[in-house]
């Protein structure tokens, strides 16, 4: 959602489908395909692929962009783990506002969207 809001602020045409690999290209983000490749390599745990992706981003966009991309990805990963570990659902406002983005990215199918105590989607009680 923040990507979409920042994209609107900068008059960019952001494609959420590119976030989950459903669409090839840059998603409307400068160096988006390289950045997505870096993040995918990082979380796949392939050291050689990660090194190659880091080098490609540095070559195309600079070390600062690579560092920012890794830091943002790590921060989002950390926040998701904290929310998952505490069983924190999306608040009703965010749940409603993010519906189209979650659908476009296929996020509701991710393991982290399932209730750890059952097979229900983790949604706010007011929206369930």
N, C-alpha and C. Protein backbone atom coordinates (compact mmCIF):
# COMPACT_ATOMS: atom_id res chain seq x y z
N UNK A 1 0.82 -1.19 0.00
CA UNK A 1 0.00 0.00 0.00
C UNK A 1 0.86 1.25 0.00
N UNK A 2 1.94 1.24 0.77
CA UNK A 2 2.79 2.42 0.81
C UNK A 2 3.43 2.68 -0.54
N UNK A 3 3.79 1.63 -1.27
CA UNK A 3 4.34 1.80 -2.60
C UNK A 3 3.33 2.50 -3.49
N UNK A 4 2.10 2.08 -3.42
CA UNK A 4 1.05 2.71 -4.23
C UNK A 4 0.83 4.16 -3.86
N UNK A 5 0.83 4.46 -2.56
CA UNK A 5 0.63 5.84 -2.12
C UNK A 5 1.80 6.72 -2.52
N UNK A 6 3.02 6.22 -2.38
CA UNK A 6 4.18 7.02 -2.78
C UNK A 6 4.20 7.17 -4.30
N UNK A 7 3.77 6.15 -5.02
CA UNK A 7 3.68 6.24 -6.47
C UNK A 7 2.68 7.29 -6.91
N UNK A 8 1.53 7.36 -6.25
CA UNK A 8 0.54 8.38 -6.56
C UNK A 8 1.11 9.77 -6.29
N UNK A 9 1.84 9.89 -5.19
CA UNK A 9 2.43 11.17 -4.81
C UNK A 9 3.41 11.66 -5.87
N UNK A 10 4.09 10.73 -6.53
CA UNK A 10 5.08 11.08 -7.55
C UNK A 10 4.54 10.92 -8.96
N UNK A 11 3.21 10.74 -9.09
CA UNK A 11 2.55 10.58 -10.39
C UNK A 11 3.12 9.40 -11.19
N UNK A 12 3.36 8.28 -10.51
CA UNK A 12 3.83 7.07 -11.17
C UNK A 12 2.67 6.10 -11.35
N UNK A 13 2.72 5.31 -12.39
CA UNK A 13 1.71 4.29 -12.64
C UNK A 13 2.25 2.96 -12.11
N UNK A 14 1.93 2.66 -10.85
CA UNK A 14 2.45 1.47 -10.17
C UNK A 14 1.58 0.26 -10.51
N UNK A 15 2.23 -0.86 -10.81
CA UNK A 15 1.53 -2.11 -11.09
C UNK A 15 1.78 -3.07 -9.94
N UNK A 16 0.75 -3.34 -9.15
CA UNK A 16 0.90 -4.23 -8.01
C UNK A 16 1.16 -5.67 -8.43
N UNK A 17 0.70 -6.05 -9.62
CA UNK A 17 0.88 -7.42 -10.08
C UNK A 17 2.37 -7.77 -10.17
N UNK A 18 3.22 -6.80 -10.44
CA UNK A 18 4.65 -7.06 -10.56
C UNK A 18 5.26 -7.44 -9.21
N UNK A 19 4.61 -7.09 -8.12
CA UNK A 19 5.14 -7.37 -6.79
C UNK A 19 5.25 -8.87 -6.56
N UNK A 20 4.30 -9.63 -7.03
CA UNK A 20 4.27 -11.07 -6.76
C UNK A 20 4.67 -11.90 -7.97
N UNK A 21 5.33 -11.28 -8.93
CA UNK A 21 5.83 -12.01 -10.08
C UNK A 21 4.78 -12.36 -11.11
N UNK A 22 3.56 -11.85 -10.96
CA UNK A 22 2.50 -12.18 -11.92
C UNK A 22 2.70 -11.43 -13.23
N UNK A 23 3.49 -10.39 -13.21
CA UNK A 23 3.71 -9.56 -14.39
C UNK A 23 5.20 -9.31 -14.53
N UNK A 24 5.69 -9.39 -15.73
CA UNK A 24 7.10 -9.09 -15.95
C UNK A 24 7.25 -7.59 -16.13
N UNK A 25 8.39 -7.07 -15.86
CA UNK A 25 8.65 -5.66 -16.02
C UNK A 25 9.03 -5.02 -14.71
N UNK A 26 8.98 -3.72 -14.69
CA UNK A 26 9.47 -2.98 -13.53
C UNK A 26 8.37 -2.55 -12.57
N UNK A 27 7.11 -2.83 -12.88
CA UNK A 27 6.01 -2.45 -12.00
C UNK A 27 5.79 -0.96 -11.90
N UNK A 28 6.42 -0.20 -12.78
CA UNK A 28 6.30 1.25 -12.74
C UNK A 28 7.33 1.90 -11.83
N UNK A 29 8.27 1.13 -11.33
CA UNK A 29 9.30 1.62 -10.42
C UNK A 29 10.64 1.59 -11.14
N UNK A 30 11.40 2.66 -11.05
CA UNK A 30 12.72 2.71 -11.65
C UNK A 30 13.56 1.54 -11.14
N UNK A 31 14.09 0.74 -12.04
CA UNK A 31 14.88 -0.45 -11.72
C UNK A 31 14.06 -1.51 -10.98
N UNK A 32 12.74 -1.46 -11.12
CA UNK A 32 11.85 -2.36 -10.38
C UNK A 32 12.14 -3.83 -10.59
N UNK A 33 12.43 -4.24 -11.81
CA UNK A 33 12.70 -5.66 -12.08
C UNK A 33 13.98 -6.10 -11.37
N UNK A 34 15.00 -5.26 -11.38
CA UNK A 34 16.24 -5.59 -10.69
C UNK A 34 16.03 -5.65 -9.18
N UNK A 35 15.26 -4.70 -8.66
CA UNK A 35 14.99 -4.68 -7.22
C UNK A 35 14.18 -5.90 -6.79
N UNK A 36 13.18 -6.27 -7.60
CA UNK A 36 12.39 -7.46 -7.29
C UNK A 36 13.27 -8.71 -7.33
N UNK A 37 14.16 -8.78 -8.31
CA UNK A 37 15.07 -9.91 -8.39
C UNK A 37 15.99 -10.01 -7.19
N UNK A 38 16.43 -8.85 -6.69
CA UNK A 38 17.28 -8.83 -5.50
C UNK A 38 16.52 -9.37 -4.29
N UNK A 39 15.32 -8.89 -4.09
CA UNK A 39 14.53 -9.34 -2.94
C UNK A 39 14.20 -10.82 -3.05
N UNK A 40 13.83 -11.28 -4.23
CA UNK A 40 13.52 -12.70 -4.40
C UNK A 40 14.75 -13.56 -4.12
N UNK A 41 15.91 -13.12 -4.58
CA UNK A 41 17.14 -13.89 -4.33
C UNK A 41 17.49 -13.90 -2.85
N UNK A 42 17.31 -12.77 -2.18
CA UNK A 42 17.59 -12.69 -0.74
C UNK A 42 16.78 -13.71 0.03
N UNK A 43 15.48 -13.74 -0.22
CA UNK A 43 14.60 -14.58 0.59
C UNK A 43 14.59 -16.02 0.13
N UNK A 44 15.16 -16.29 -1.05
CA UNK A 44 15.32 -17.69 -1.48
C UNK A 44 16.53 -18.32 -0.79
N UNK A 45 17.42 -17.48 -0.28
CA UNK A 45 18.57 -17.99 0.45
C UNK A 45 19.71 -18.47 -0.43
N UNK A 46 19.71 -18.07 -1.67
CA UNK A 46 20.76 -18.46 -2.61
C UNK A 46 21.84 -17.39 -2.60
N UNK A 47 22.97 -17.68 -1.98
CA UNK A 47 24.04 -16.69 -1.81
C UNK A 47 24.58 -16.20 -3.15
N UNK A 48 24.76 -17.10 -4.11
CA UNK A 48 25.30 -16.69 -5.41
C UNK A 48 24.32 -15.80 -6.16
N UNK A 49 23.04 -16.18 -6.15
CA UNK A 49 22.02 -15.37 -6.83
C UNK A 49 21.88 -14.02 -6.14
N UNK A 50 21.97 -14.00 -4.81
CA UNK A 50 21.87 -12.73 -4.08
C UNK A 50 23.04 -11.83 -4.42
N UNK A 51 24.25 -12.36 -4.46
CA UNK A 51 25.42 -11.56 -4.81
C UNK A 51 25.30 -11.00 -6.23
N UNK A 52 24.83 -11.82 -7.16
CA UNK A 52 24.67 -11.37 -8.54
C UNK A 52 23.60 -10.28 -8.62
N UNK A 53 22.50 -10.45 -7.90
CA UNK A 53 21.43 -9.46 -7.92
C UNK A 53 21.90 -8.15 -7.27
N UNK A 54 22.63 -8.25 -6.16
CA UNK A 54 23.17 -7.05 -5.52
C UNK A 54 24.07 -6.30 -6.49
N UNK A 55 24.95 -7.03 -7.15
CA UNK A 55 25.87 -6.40 -8.10
C UNK A 55 25.12 -5.74 -9.25
N UNK A 56 24.06 -6.38 -9.74
CA UNK A 56 23.27 -5.81 -10.84
C UNK A 56 22.60 -4.51 -10.41
N UNK A 57 22.07 -4.48 -9.18
CA UNK A 57 21.43 -3.25 -8.69
C UNK A 57 22.46 -2.16 -8.51
N UNK A 58 23.61 -2.49 -7.93
CA UNK A 58 24.66 -1.48 -7.73
C UNK A 58 25.12 -0.92 -9.07
N UNK A 59 25.29 -1.79 -10.05
CA UNK A 59 25.74 -1.35 -11.37
C UNK A 59 24.71 -0.42 -12.04
N UNK A 60 23.43 -0.75 -11.91
CA UNK A 60 22.39 0.03 -12.57
C UNK A 60 21.96 1.27 -11.80
N UNK A 61 21.92 1.15 -10.45
CA UNK A 61 21.30 2.21 -9.67
C UNK A 61 22.20 2.80 -8.58
N UNK A 62 23.27 2.13 -8.26
CA UNK A 62 24.18 2.62 -7.23
C UNK A 62 24.04 1.86 -5.92
N UNK A 63 25.10 1.94 -5.12
CA UNK A 63 25.14 1.22 -3.84
C UNK A 63 24.07 1.72 -2.88
N UNK A 64 23.78 3.00 -2.90
CA UNK A 64 22.78 3.55 -1.97
C UNK A 64 21.41 2.94 -2.22
N UNK A 65 21.04 2.77 -3.48
CA UNK A 65 19.74 2.17 -3.82
C UNK A 65 19.71 0.72 -3.37
N UNK A 66 20.80 0.00 -3.57
CA UNK A 66 20.86 -1.40 -3.15
C UNK A 66 20.70 -1.51 -1.63
N UNK A 67 21.42 -0.66 -0.90
CA UNK A 67 21.34 -0.69 0.56
C UNK A 67 19.93 -0.36 1.03
N UNK A 68 19.31 0.66 0.44
CA UNK A 68 17.94 1.01 0.81
C UNK A 68 16.98 -0.14 0.53
N UNK A 69 17.14 -0.79 -0.62
CA UNK A 69 16.24 -1.89 -0.99
C UNK A 69 16.36 -3.05 -0.01
N UNK A 70 17.58 -3.39 0.36
CA UNK A 70 17.79 -4.49 1.30
C UNK A 70 17.22 -4.12 2.68
N UNK A 71 17.44 -2.88 3.10
CA UNK A 71 16.94 -2.44 4.41
C UNK A 71 15.42 -2.43 4.45
N UNK A 72 14.79 -1.93 3.39
CA UNK A 72 13.32 -1.89 3.36
C UNK A 72 12.76 -3.31 3.36
N UNK A 73 13.34 -4.20 2.55
CA UNK A 73 12.87 -5.58 2.51
C UNK A 73 13.02 -6.25 3.87
N UNK A 74 14.16 -6.07 4.50
CA UNK A 74 14.40 -6.67 5.81
C UNK A 74 13.43 -6.12 6.85
N UNK A 75 13.15 -4.82 6.79
CA UNK A 75 12.23 -4.21 7.75
C UNK A 75 10.81 -4.75 7.57
N UNK A 76 10.35 -4.87 6.34
CA UNK A 76 9.01 -5.41 6.11
C UNK A 76 8.95 -6.87 6.56
N UNK A 77 10.00 -7.63 6.31
CA UNK A 77 10.06 -9.02 6.74
C UNK A 77 9.97 -9.10 8.26
N UNK A 78 10.71 -8.23 8.94
CA UNK A 78 10.70 -8.20 10.40
C UNK A 78 9.30 -7.84 10.92
N UNK A 79 8.68 -6.83 10.34
CA UNK A 79 7.36 -6.41 10.82
C UNK A 79 6.33 -7.51 10.63
N UNK A 80 6.41 -8.24 9.52
CA UNK A 80 5.49 -9.34 9.28
C UNK A 80 5.68 -10.44 10.31
N UNK A 81 6.93 -10.77 10.63
CA UNK A 81 7.19 -11.81 11.63
C UNK A 81 6.68 -11.39 13.01
N UNK A 82 6.85 -10.13 13.37
CA UNK A 82 6.34 -9.66 14.66
C UNK A 82 4.82 -9.76 14.68
N UNK A 83 4.17 -9.30 13.63
CA UNK A 83 2.71 -9.38 13.56
C UNK A 83 2.23 -10.84 13.59
N UNK A 84 2.90 -11.70 12.82
CA UNK A 84 2.52 -13.12 12.81
C UNK A 84 2.73 -13.75 14.19
N UNK A 85 3.86 -13.43 14.81
CA UNK A 85 4.18 -14.03 16.11
C UNK A 85 3.22 -13.63 17.21
N UNK A 86 2.68 -12.43 17.11
CA UNK A 86 1.74 -11.95 18.13
C UNK A 86 0.29 -12.21 17.74
N UNK A 87 0.06 -12.70 16.51
CA UNK A 87 -1.31 -12.96 16.06
C UNK A 87 -2.08 -11.69 15.74
N UNK A 88 -1.37 -10.63 15.43
CA UNK A 88 -1.99 -9.34 15.17
C UNK A 88 -2.66 -9.32 13.80
N UNK A 89 -3.98 -9.11 13.76
CA UNK A 89 -4.66 -9.00 12.46
C UNK A 89 -4.55 -7.57 11.94
N UNK A 90 -4.86 -7.39 10.66
CA UNK A 90 -4.96 -6.04 10.13
C UNK A 90 -6.11 -5.32 10.83
N UNK A 91 -5.94 -4.03 11.09
CA UNK A 91 -7.05 -3.28 11.65
C UNK A 91 -8.12 -3.11 10.57
N UNK A 92 -9.38 -2.88 10.97
CA UNK A 92 -10.47 -2.83 9.98
C UNK A 92 -10.24 -1.82 8.86
N UNK A 93 -9.71 -0.64 9.18
CA UNK A 93 -9.47 0.37 8.14
C UNK A 93 -8.45 -0.09 7.12
N UNK A 94 -7.36 -0.67 7.59
CA UNK A 94 -6.32 -1.16 6.69
C UNK A 94 -6.82 -2.37 5.91
N UNK A 95 -7.59 -3.23 6.56
CA UNK A 95 -8.14 -4.40 5.88
C UNK A 95 -8.99 -3.97 4.70
N UNK A 96 -9.90 -3.03 4.92
CA UNK A 96 -10.78 -2.57 3.85
C UNK A 96 -10.00 -1.84 2.76
N UNK A 97 -9.11 -0.95 3.17
CA UNK A 97 -8.36 -0.13 2.22
C UNK A 97 -7.40 -0.98 1.38
N UNK A 98 -6.92 -2.09 1.92
CA UNK A 98 -5.91 -2.88 1.22
C UNK A 98 -6.49 -4.03 0.39
N UNK A 99 -7.79 -4.17 0.34
CA UNK A 99 -8.40 -5.32 -0.35
C UNK A 99 -7.96 -5.44 -1.80
N UNK A 100 -8.01 -4.36 -2.55
CA UNK A 100 -7.65 -4.41 -3.97
C UNK A 100 -6.17 -4.73 -4.15
N UNK A 101 -5.33 -4.17 -3.29
CA UNK A 101 -3.89 -4.42 -3.38
C UNK A 101 -3.58 -5.87 -3.02
N UNK A 102 -4.21 -6.39 -1.96
CA UNK A 102 -3.99 -7.78 -1.58
C UNK A 102 -4.40 -8.72 -2.70
N UNK A 103 -5.51 -8.42 -3.35
CA UNK A 103 -5.98 -9.26 -4.44
C UNK A 103 -5.03 -9.19 -5.64
N UNK A 104 -4.61 -7.98 -6.01
CA UNK A 104 -3.74 -7.81 -7.16
C UNK A 104 -2.39 -8.51 -6.96
N UNK A 105 -1.91 -8.51 -5.74
CA UNK A 105 -0.60 -9.13 -5.43
C UNK A 105 -0.73 -10.59 -5.05
N UNK A 106 -1.94 -11.08 -4.85
CA UNK A 106 -2.13 -12.46 -4.42
C UNK A 106 -1.70 -12.68 -2.98
N UNK A 107 -1.77 -11.65 -2.16
CA UNK A 107 -1.26 -11.74 -0.79
C UNK A 107 -2.12 -12.59 0.13
N UNK A 108 -3.40 -12.68 -0.12
CA UNK A 108 -4.26 -13.45 0.78
C UNK A 108 -3.94 -14.94 0.73
N UNK A 109 -3.20 -15.38 -0.28
CA UNK A 109 -2.80 -16.77 -0.35
C UNK A 109 -1.52 -17.08 0.41
N UNK A 110 -0.84 -16.06 0.90
CA UNK A 110 0.41 -16.28 1.63
C UNK A 110 0.13 -16.94 2.97
N UNK A 111 1.05 -17.75 3.42
CA UNK A 111 0.91 -18.45 4.70
C UNK A 111 0.66 -17.46 5.83
N UNK A 112 1.29 -16.31 5.81
CA UNK A 112 1.15 -15.34 6.90
C UNK A 112 -0.26 -14.77 6.99
N UNK A 113 -1.08 -14.94 5.96
CA UNK A 113 -2.45 -14.44 6.01
C UNK A 113 -3.40 -15.45 6.67
N UNK A 114 -2.92 -16.67 6.93
CA UNK A 114 -3.78 -17.66 7.54
C UNK A 114 -3.69 -17.57 9.05
N UNK A 115 -4.79 -17.86 9.70
CA UNK A 115 -4.85 -17.88 11.16
C UNK A 115 -4.01 -19.04 11.66
N UNK A 116 -3.08 -18.81 12.59
CA UNK A 116 -2.24 -19.90 13.07
C UNK A 116 -3.01 -20.97 13.83
N UNK A 117 -4.27 -20.70 14.21
CA UNK A 117 -5.07 -21.65 14.98
C UNK A 117 -6.14 -22.31 14.13
N UNK A 118 -6.08 -22.11 12.83
CA UNK A 118 -7.09 -22.71 11.96
C UNK A 118 -6.76 -22.37 10.53
N UNK A 119 -7.72 -22.51 9.65
CA UNK A 119 -7.48 -22.25 8.25
C UNK A 119 -8.24 -21.01 7.79
N UNK A 120 -8.62 -20.17 8.72
CA UNK A 120 -9.34 -18.94 8.37
C UNK A 120 -8.34 -17.87 7.95
N UNK A 121 -8.80 -16.94 7.16
CA UNK A 121 -7.98 -15.77 6.84
C UNK A 121 -7.95 -14.89 8.09
N UNK A 122 -6.79 -14.33 8.39
CA UNK A 122 -6.71 -13.43 9.53
C UNK A 122 -7.27 -12.08 9.11
N UNK A 123 -8.43 -11.80 9.62
CA UNK A 123 -9.09 -10.53 9.32
C UNK A 123 -9.56 -9.94 10.63
N UNK A 124 -9.78 -8.64 10.67
CA UNK A 124 -10.32 -8.03 11.89
C UNK A 124 -11.66 -8.63 12.23
N UNK A 125 -11.96 -8.75 13.50
CA UNK A 125 -13.22 -9.36 13.91
C UNK A 125 -14.42 -8.60 13.36
N UNK A 126 -14.29 -7.30 13.18
CA UNK A 126 -15.43 -6.53 12.66
C UNK A 126 -15.66 -6.82 11.18
N UNK A 127 -14.65 -7.37 10.46
CA UNK A 127 -14.80 -7.66 9.05
C UNK A 127 -15.03 -9.14 8.77
N UNK A 128 -14.91 -9.97 9.81
CA UNK A 128 -15.02 -11.42 9.61
C UNK A 128 -16.45 -11.85 9.38
